[in-house]
Amino acid sequence: MNAEPLGFLRAKTDGINLGRVFIDKRFKGTMEATSKDEMLSAIATVEGLGRLM
């Protein structure tokens, strides 16, 4: 598995940063496969703002 951070993006709303990570996986065994994924995270820097998703 290889995880490569793609950096932070600035959201349109102040106080919220969006982070992205690209994940490249290879599976081996009786069946071989590859998977390419992108994970998005939101980080709020505004006090009192918080959500669990």
PDB file of N, CA and C in Angstrom:
ATOM      1  N   MET A   1       0.851  -1.168   0.000  1.00  0.00           N
ATOM      2  CA  MET A   1       0.000   0.000   0.000  1.00  0.00           C
ATOM      3  C   MET A   1       0.898   1.232   0.000  1.00  0.00           C
ATOM      4  N   ASN A   2       0.524   2.186  -0.794  1.00  0.00           N
ATOM      5  CA  ASN A   2       1.239   3.451  -0.864  1.00  0.00           C
ATOM      6  C   ASN A   2       0.231   4.573  -0.639  1.00  0.00           C
ATOM      7  N   ALA A   3       0.498   5.438   0.342  1.00  0.00           N
ATOM      8  CA  ALA A   3      -0.377   6.583   0.613  1.00  0.00           C
ATOM      9  C   ALA A   3       0.416   7.855   0.370  1.00  0.00           C
ATOM     10  N   GLU A   4      -0.093   8.712  -0.498  1.00  0.00           N
ATOM     11  CA  GLU A   4       0.607   9.939  -0.871  1.00  0.00           C
ATOM     12  C   GLU A   4      -0.273  11.155  -0.580  1.00  0.00           C
ATOM     13  N   PRO A   5       0.124  11.992   0.381  1.00  0.00           N
ATOM     14  CA  PRO A   5      -0.661  13.204   0.658  1.00  0.00           C
ATOM     15  C   PRO A   5      -0.658  14.128  -0.552  1.00  0.00           C
ATOM     16  N   LEU A   6      -1.819  14.672  -0.883  1.00  0.00           N
ATOM     17  CA  LEU A   6      -1.934  15.590  -2.014  1.00  0.00           C
ATOM     18  C   LEU A   6      -2.033  17.041  -1.562  1.00  0.00           C
ATOM     19  N   GLY A   7      -1.903  17.271  -0.257  1.00  0.00           N
ATOM     20  CA  GLY A   7      -1.912  18.635   0.260  1.00  0.00           C
ATOM     21  C   GLY A   7      -3.295  19.097   0.675  1.00  0.00           C
ATOM     22  N   PHE A   8      -3.340  20.320   1.197  1.00  0.00           N
ATOM     23  CA  PHE A   8      -4.590  20.908   1.668  1.00  0.00           C
ATOM     24  C   PHE A   8      -5.176  21.824   0.612  1.00  0.00           C
ATOM     25  N   LEU A   9      -6.487  21.855   0.560  1.00  0.00           N
ATOM     26  CA  LEU A   9      -7.218  22.774  -0.303  1.00  0.00           C
ATOM     27  C   LEU A   9      -7.925  23.792   0.577  1.00  0.00           C
ATOM     28  N   ARG A  10      -8.110  24.963   0.120  1.00  0.00           N
ATOM     29  CA  ARG A  10      -8.832  25.988   0.865  1.00  0.00           C
ATOM     30  C   ARG A  10     -10.303  25.911   0.460  1.00  0.00           C
ATOM     31  N   ALA A  11     -11.156  25.658   1.438  1.00  0.00           N
ATOM     32  CA  ALA A  11     -12.598  25.607   1.181  1.00  0.00           C
ATOM     33  C   ALA A  11     -13.138  27.021   1.012  1.00  0.00           C
ATOM     34  N   LYS A  12     -14.315  27.143   0.424  1.00  0.00           N
ATOM     35  CA  LYS A  12     -14.930  28.457   0.222  1.00  0.00           C
ATOM     36  C   LYS A  12     -15.311  29.109   1.546  1.00  0.00           C
ATOM     37  N   THR A  13     -15.535  28.297   2.572  1.00  0.00           N
ATOM     38  CA  THR A  13     -15.889  28.812   3.889  1.00  0.00           C
ATOM     39  C   THR A  13     -14.621  29.008   4.702  1.00  0.00           C
ATOM     40  N   ASP A  14     -14.450  30.188   5.287  1.00  0.00           N
ATOM     41  CA  ASP A  14     -13.263  30.440   6.108  1.00  0.00           C
ATOM     42  C   ASP A  14     -13.241  29.509   7.312  1.00  0.00           C
ATOM     43  N   GLY A  15     -12.054  29.082   7.686  1.00  0.00           N
ATOM     44  CA  GLY A  15     -11.891  28.243   8.865  1.00  0.00           C
ATOM     45  C   GLY A  15     -11.997  26.761   8.591  1.00  0.00           C
ATOM     46  N   ILE A  16     -12.170  26.362   7.332  1.00  0.00           N
ATOM     47  CA  ILE A  16     -12.256  24.941   6.999  1.00  0.00           C
ATOM     48  C   ILE A  16     -11.202  24.621   5.945  1.00  0.00           C
ATOM     49  N   ASN A  17     -10.360  23.635   6.242  1.00  0.00           N
ATOM     50  CA  ASN A  17      -9.351  23.160   5.293  1.00  0.00           C
ATOM     51  C   ASN A  17      -9.711  21.752   4.860  1.00  0.00           C
ATOM     52  N   LEU A  18      -9.529  21.464   3.594  1.00  0.00           N
ATOM     53  CA  LEU A  18      -9.789  20.137   3.062  1.00  0.00           C
ATOM     54  C   LEU A  18      -8.458  19.477   2.731  1.00  0.00           C
ATOM     55  N   GLY A  19      -8.251  18.276   3.244  1.00  0.00           N
ATOM     56  CA  GLY A  19      -7.034  17.522   2.955  1.00  0.00           C
ATOM     57  C   GLY A  19      -7.356  16.348   2.051  1.00  0.00           C
ATOM     58  N   ARG A  20      -6.397  15.988   1.198  1.00  0.00           N
ATOM     59  CA  ARG A  20      -6.592  14.868   0.275  1.00  0.00           C
ATOM     60  C   ARG A  20      -5.404  13.916   0.360  1.00  0.00           C
ATOM     61  N   VAL A  21      -5.702  12.620   0.299  1.00  0.00           N
ATOM     62  CA  VAL A  21      -4.672  11.585   0.277  1.00  0.00           C
ATOM     63  C   VAL A  21      -5.029  10.606  -0.831  1.00  0.00           C
ATOM     64  N   PHE A  22      -4.052  10.275  -1.675  1.00  0.00           N
ATOM     65  CA  PHE A  22      -4.218   9.271  -2.719  1.00  0.00           C
ATOM     66  C   PHE A  22      -3.665   7.954  -2.197  1.00  0.00           C
ATOM     67  N   ILE A  23      -4.439   6.869  -2.303  1.00  0.00           N
ATOM     68  CA  ILE A  23      -4.039   5.563  -1.786  1.00  0.00           C
ATOM     69  C   ILE A  23      -4.016   4.565  -2.943  1.00  0.00           C
ATOM     70  N   ASP A  24      -2.878   3.901  -3.114  1.00  0.00           N
ATOM     71  CA  ASP A  24      -2.682   2.916  -4.170  1.00  0.00           C
ATOM     72  C   ASP A  24      -2.390   1.572  -3.499  1.00  0.00           C
ATOM     73  N   LYS A  25      -3.280   0.579  -3.679  1.00  0.00           N
ATOM     74  CA  LYS A  25      -3.115  -0.719  -3.019  1.00  0.00           C
ATOM     75  C   LYS A  25      -2.987  -1.832  -4.052  1.00  0.00           C
ATOM     76  N   ARG A  26      -2.214  -2.846  -3.682  1.00  0.00           N
ATOM     77  CA  ARG A  26      -2.089  -4.044  -4.509  1.00  0.00           C
ATOM     78  C   ARG A  26      -2.385  -5.252  -3.628  1.00  0.00           C
ATOM     79  N   PHE A  27      -3.225  -6.129  -4.118  1.00  0.00           N
ATOM     80  CA  PHE A  27      -3.600  -7.336  -3.383  1.00  0.00           C
ATOM     81  C   PHE A  27      -3.017  -8.542  -4.105  1.00  0.00           C
ATOM     82  N   LYS A  28      -2.387  -9.448  -3.342  1.00  0.00           N
ATOM     83  CA  LYS A  28      -1.814 -10.653  -3.930  1.00  0.00           C
ATOM     84  C   LYS A  28      -2.250 -11.855  -3.116  1.00  0.00           C
ATOM     85  N   GLY A  29      -2.394 -12.959  -3.767  1.00  0.00           N
ATOM     86  CA  GLY A  29      -2.837 -14.195  -3.130  1.00  0.00           C
ATOM     87  C   GLY A  29      -3.457 -15.068  -4.194  1.00  0.00           C
ATOM     88  N   THR A  30      -4.567 -15.728  -3.871  1.00  0.00           N
ATOM     89  CA  THR A  30      -5.250 -16.551  -4.872  1.00  0.00           C
ATOM     90  C   THR A  30      -5.844 -15.684  -5.979  1.00  0.00           C
ATOM     91  N   MET A  31      -6.091 -14.424  -5.640  1.00  0.00           N
ATOM     92  CA  MET A  31      -6.577 -13.464  -6.628  1.00  0.00           C
ATOM     93  C   MET A  31      -5.727 -12.197  -6.510  1.00  0.00           C
ATOM     94  N   GLU A  32      -5.305 -11.639  -7.631  1.00  0.00           N
ATOM     95  CA  GLU A  32      -4.513 -10.416  -7.617  1.00  0.00           C
ATOM     96  C   GLU A  32      -5.358  -9.258  -8.129  1.00  0.00           C
ATOM     97  N   ALA A  33      -5.215  -8.113  -7.474  1.00  0.00           N
ATOM     98  CA  ALA A  33      -6.013  -6.947  -7.868  1.00  0.00           C
ATOM     99  C   ALA A  33      -5.288  -5.670  -7.438  1.00  0.00           C
ATOM    100  N   THR A  34      -5.731  -4.558  -7.975  1.00  0.00           N
ATOM    101  CA  THR A  34      -5.223  -3.247  -7.561  1.00  0.00           C
ATOM    102  C   THR A  34      -6.406  -2.350  -7.225  1.00  0.00           C
ATOM    103  N   SER A  35      -6.150  -1.379  -6.373  1.00  0.00           N
ATOM    104  CA  SER A  35      -7.180  -0.435  -5.968  1.00  0.00           C
ATOM    105  C   SER A  35      -6.551   0.950  -5.883  1.00  0.00           C
ATOM    106  N   LYS A  36      -7.211   1.937  -6.452  1.00  0.00           N
ATOM    107  CA  LYS A  36      -6.754   3.324  -6.378  1.00  0.00           C
ATOM    108  C   LYS A  36      -7.888   4.140  -5.771  1.00  0.00           C
ATOM    109  N   ASP A  37      -7.593   4.795  -4.643  1.00  0.00           N
ATOM    110  CA  ASP A  37      -8.615   5.528  -3.901  1.00  0.00           C
ATOM    111  C   ASP A  37      -8.115   6.932  -3.579  1.00  0.00           C
ATOM    112  N   GLU A  38      -9.049   7.816  -3.308  1.00  0.00           N
ATOM    113  CA  GLU A  38      -8.722   9.152  -2.829  1.00  0.00           C
ATOM    114  C   GLU A  38      -9.574   9.423  -1.598  1.00  0.00           C
ATOM    115  N   MET A  39      -8.933   9.840  -0.511  1.00  0.00           N
ATOM    116  CA  MET A  39      -9.629  10.113   0.736  1.00  0.00           C
ATOM    117  C   MET A  39      -9.636  11.620   0.972  1.00  0.00           C
ATOM    118  N   LEU A  40     -10.779  12.143   1.355  1.00  0.00           N
ATOM    119  CA  LEU A  40     -10.943  13.569   1.622  1.00  0.00           C
ATOM    120  C   LEU A  40     -11.250  13.765   3.097  1.00  0.00           C
ATOM    121  N   SER A  41     -10.579  14.738   3.720  1.00  0.00           N
ATOM    122  CA  SER A  41     -10.856  15.055   5.121  1.00  0.00           C
ATOM    123  C   SER A  41     -11.126  16.545   5.246  1.00  0.00           C
ATOM    124  N   ALA A  42     -11.931  16.912   6.232  1.00  0.00           N
ATOM    125  CA  ALA A  42     -12.232  18.318   6.503  1.00  0.00           C
ATOM    126  C   ALA A  42     -11.766  18.648   7.909  1.00  0.00           C
ATOM    127  N   ILE A  43     -11.011  19.723   8.040  1.00  0.00           N
ATOM    128  CA  ILE A  43     -10.494  20.161   9.329  1.00  0.00           C
ATOM    129  C   ILE A  43     -11.022  21.562   9.592  1.00  0.00           C
ATOM    130  N   ALA A  44     -11.782  21.710  10.677  1.00  0.00           N
ATOM    131  CA  ALA A  44     -12.362  23.013  11.023  1.00  0.00           C
ATOM    132  C   ALA A  44     -11.476  23.694  12.060  1.00  0.00           C
ATOM    133  N   THR A  45     -11.132  24.951  11.799  1.00  0.00           N
ATOM    134  CA  THR A  45     -10.328  25.718  12.741  1.00  0.00           C
ATOM    135  C   THR A  45     -11.177  26.740  13.493  1.00  0.00           C
ATOM    136  N   VAL A  46     -12.490  26.701  13.284  1.00  0.00           N
ATOM    137  CA  VAL A  46     -13.413  27.613  13.949  1.00  0.00           C
ATOM    138  C   VAL A  46     -13.831  26.989  15.278  1.00  0.00           C
ATOM    139  N   GLU A  47     -13.678  27.706  16.371  1.00  0.00           N
ATOM    140  CA  GLU A  47     -14.020  27.187  17.692  1.00  0.00           C
ATOM    141  C   GLU A  47     -15.507  26.872  17.765  1.00  0.00           C
ATOM    142  N   GLY A  48     -15.827  25.700  18.312  1.00  0.00           N
ATOM    143  CA  GLY A  48     -17.217  25.303  18.480  1.00  0.00           C
ATOM    144  C   GLY A  48     -17.802  24.610  17.257  1.00  0.00           C
ATOM    145  N   LEU A  49     -17.060  24.549  16.157  1.00  0.00           N
ATOM    146  CA  LEU A  49     -17.569  23.899  14.947  1.00  0.00           C
ATOM    147  C   LEU A  49     -17.012  22.478  14.914  1.00  0.00           C
ATOM    148  N   GLY A  50     -17.881  21.497  14.922  1.00  0.00           N
ATOM    149  CA  GLY A  50     -17.419  20.127  14.877  1.00  0.00           C
ATOM    150  C   GLY A  50     -18.549  19.189  14.489  1.00  0.00           C
ATOM    151  N   ARG A  51     -18.245  18.254  13.634  1.00  0.00           N
ATOM    152  CA  ARG A  51     -19.211  17.253  13.193  1.00  0.00           C
ATOM    153  C   ARG A  51     -18.492  15.942  13.015  1.00  0.00           C
ATOM    154  N   LEU A  52     -19.200  14.863  13.260  1.00  0.00           N
ATOM    155  CA  LEU A  52     -18.668  13.530  13.021  1.00  0.00           C
ATOM    156  C   LEU A  52     -19.467  12.934  11.875  1.00  0.00           C
ATOM    157  N   MET A  53     -18.771  12.506  10.855  1.00  0.00           N
ATOM    158  CA  MET A  53     -19.451  11.966   9.673  1.00  0.00           C
ATOM    159  C   MET A  53     -18.999  10.548   9.435  1.00  0.00           C
TER     160      MET A  53
END
